Amino acid sequence: NIAKQIGNAVPCLLAEQIAVSLKDQFGL
């Protein structure tokens, strides 16, 4: 269960970081 939760959380965190960095790059 814990491993599955971590496996689900990591891609979400990465996607959020990517979205924030893209917003910073393009000034959205």
PDB file of N, CA and C in Angstrom:
ATOM      1  N   ASN A   1       0.835  -1.213   0.000  1.00  0.00           N
ATOM      2  CA  ASN A   1       0.000   0.000   0.000  1.00  0.00           C
ATOM      3  C   ASN A   1       0.866   1.257   0.000  1.00  0.00           C
ATOM      4  N   ILE A   2       1.867   1.266   0.903  1.00  0.00           N
ATOM      5  CA  ILE A   2       2.728   2.457   0.995  1.00  0.00           C
ATOM      6  C   ILE A   2       3.500   2.643  -0.313  1.00  0.00           C
ATOM      7  N   ALA A   3       4.036   1.543  -0.833  1.00  0.00           N
ATOM      8  CA  ALA A   3       4.798   1.642  -2.079  1.00  0.00           C
ATOM      9  C   ALA A   3       3.911   2.151  -3.209  1.00  0.00           C
ATOM     10  N   LYS A   4       2.659   1.712  -3.216  1.00  0.00           N
ATOM     11  CA  LYS A   4       1.736   2.140  -4.275  1.00  0.00           C
ATOM     12  C   LYS A   4       1.420   3.626  -4.126  1.00  0.00           C
ATOM     13  N   GLN A   5       1.270   4.085  -2.876  1.00  0.00           N
ATOM     14  CA  GLN A   5       0.992   5.509  -2.649  1.00  0.00           C
ATOM     15  C   GLN A   5       2.170   6.355  -3.115  1.00  0.00           C
ATOM     16  N   ILE A   6       3.395   5.905  -2.793  1.00  0.00           N
ATOM     17  CA  ILE A   6       4.587   6.650  -3.217  1.00  0.00           C
ATOM     18  C   ILE A   6       4.672   6.653  -4.737  1.00  0.00           C
ATOM     19  N   GLY A   7       4.412   5.511  -5.359  1.00  0.00           N
ATOM     20  CA  GLY A   7       4.457   5.417  -6.814  1.00  0.00           C
ATOM     21  C   GLY A   7       3.440   6.329  -7.475  1.00  0.00           C
ATOM     22  N   ASN A   8       2.327   6.576  -6.802  1.00  0.00           N
ATOM     23  CA  ASN A   8       1.311   7.479  -7.354  1.00  0.00           C
ATOM     24  C   ASN A   8       1.663   8.930  -7.081  1.00  0.00           C
ATOM     25  N   ALA A   9       2.330   9.198  -5.956  1.00  0.00           N
ATOM     26  CA  ALA A   9       2.611  10.581  -5.557  1.00  0.00           C
ATOM     27  C   ALA A   9       3.757  11.167  -6.371  1.00  0.00           C
ATOM     28  N   VAL A  10       4.784  10.363  -6.659  1.00  0.00           N
ATOM     29  CA  VAL A  10       5.981  10.893  -7.319  1.00  0.00           C
ATOM     30  C   VAL A  10       5.667  11.508  -8.682  1.00  0.00           C
ATOM     31  N   PRO A  11       4.948  10.819  -9.586  1.00  0.00           N
ATOM     32  CA  PRO A  11       4.645  11.435 -10.895  1.00  0.00           C
ATOM     33  C   PRO A  11       3.842  12.718 -10.752  1.00  0.00           C
ATOM     34  N   CYS A  12       2.970  12.780  -9.748  1.00  0.00           N
ATOM     35  CA  CYS A  12       2.171  13.997  -9.542  1.00  0.00           C
ATOM     36  C   CYS A  12       3.080  15.152  -9.152  1.00  0.00           C
ATOM     37  N   LEU A  13       4.031  14.882  -8.260  1.00  0.00           N
ATOM     38  CA  LEU A  13       4.950  15.938  -7.825  1.00  0.00           C
ATOM     39  C   LEU A  13       5.816  16.388  -8.992  1.00  0.00           C
ATOM     40  N   LEU A  14       6.298  15.419  -9.789  1.00  0.00           N
ATOM     41  CA  LEU A  14       7.134  15.772 -10.937  1.00  0.00           C
ATOM     42  C   LEU A  14       6.341  16.608 -11.923  1.00  0.00           C
ATOM     43  N   ALA A  15       5.111  16.216 -12.191  1.00  0.00           N
ATOM     44  CA  ALA A  15       4.283  16.963 -13.139  1.00  0.00           C
ATOM     45  C   ALA A  15       4.047  18.380 -12.632  1.00  0.00           C
ATOM     46  N   GLU A  16       3.858  18.520 -11.322  1.00  0.00           N
ATOM     47  CA  GLU A  16       3.618  19.849 -10.760  1.00  0.00           C
ATOM     48  C   GLU A  16       4.869  20.713 -10.905  1.00  0.00           C
ATOM     49  N   GLN A  17       6.042  20.121 -10.636  1.00  0.00           N
ATOM     50  CA  GLN A  17       7.290  20.871 -10.774  1.00  0.00           C
ATOM     51  C   GLN A  17       7.501  21.300 -12.214  1.00  0.00           C
ATOM     52  N   ILE A  18       7.222  20.396 -13.160  1.00  0.00           N
ATOM     53  CA  ILE A  18       7.391  20.716 -14.580  1.00  0.00           C
ATOM     54  C   ILE A  18       6.450  21.839 -14.978  1.00  0.00           C
ATOM     55  N   ALA A  19       5.207  21.777 -14.518  1.00  0.00           N
ATOM     56  CA  ALA A  19       4.233  22.819 -14.854  1.00  0.00           C
ATOM     57  C   ALA A  19       4.699  24.161 -14.317  1.00  0.00           C
ATOM     58  N   VAL A  20       5.204  24.182 -13.090  1.00  0.00           N
ATOM     59  CA  VAL A  20       5.660  25.445 -12.493  1.00  0.00           C
ATOM     60  C   VAL A  20       6.857  25.990 -13.263  1.00  0.00           C
ATOM     61  N   SER A  21       7.801  25.123 -13.623  1.00  0.00           N
ATOM     62  CA  SER A  21       8.985  25.594 -14.345  1.00  0.00           C
ATOM     63  C   SER A  21       8.601  26.104 -15.730  1.00  0.00           C
ATOM     64  N   LEU A  22       7.633  25.443 -16.373  1.00  0.00           N
ATOM     65  CA  LEU A  22       7.181  25.920 -17.680  1.00  0.00           C
ATOM     66  C   LEU A  22       6.511  27.281 -17.549  1.00  0.00           C
ATOM     67  N   LYS A  23       5.698  27.451 -16.505  1.00  0.00           N
ATOM     68  CA  LYS A  23       5.046  28.746 -16.285  1.00  0.00           C
ATOM     69  C   LYS A  23       6.097  29.831 -16.086  1.00  0.00           C
ATOM     70  N   ASP A  24       7.146  29.517 -15.326  1.00  0.00           N
ATOM     71  CA  ASP A  24       8.197  30.510 -15.087  1.00  0.00           C
ATOM     72  C   ASP A  24       8.914  30.844 -16.393  1.00  0.00           C
ATOM     73  N   GLN A  25       9.173  29.821 -17.216  1.00  0.00           N
ATOM     74  CA  GLN A  25       9.902  30.051 -18.462  1.00  0.00           C
ATOM     75  C   GLN A  25       9.110  30.941 -19.411  1.00  0.00           C
ATOM     76  N   PHE A  26       7.832  30.648 -19.557  1.00  0.00           N
ATOM     77  CA  PHE A  26       7.029  31.339 -20.566  1.00  0.00           C
ATOM     78  C   PHE A  26       6.223  32.490 -19.983  1.00  0.00           C
ATOM     79  N   GLY A  27       6.347  32.714 -18.665  1.00  0.00           N
ATOM     80  CA  GLY A  27       5.653  33.830 -18.040  1.00  0.00           C
ATOM     81  C   GLY A  27       4.146  33.709 -18.111  1.00  0.00           C
ATOM     82  N   LEU A  28       3.627  32.488 -17.978  1.00  0.00           N
ATOM     83  CA  LEU A  28       2.177  32.298 -18.044  1.00  0.00           C
ATOM     84  C   LEU A  28       1.543  32.568 -16.674  1.00  0.00           C
TER      85      LEU A  28
END
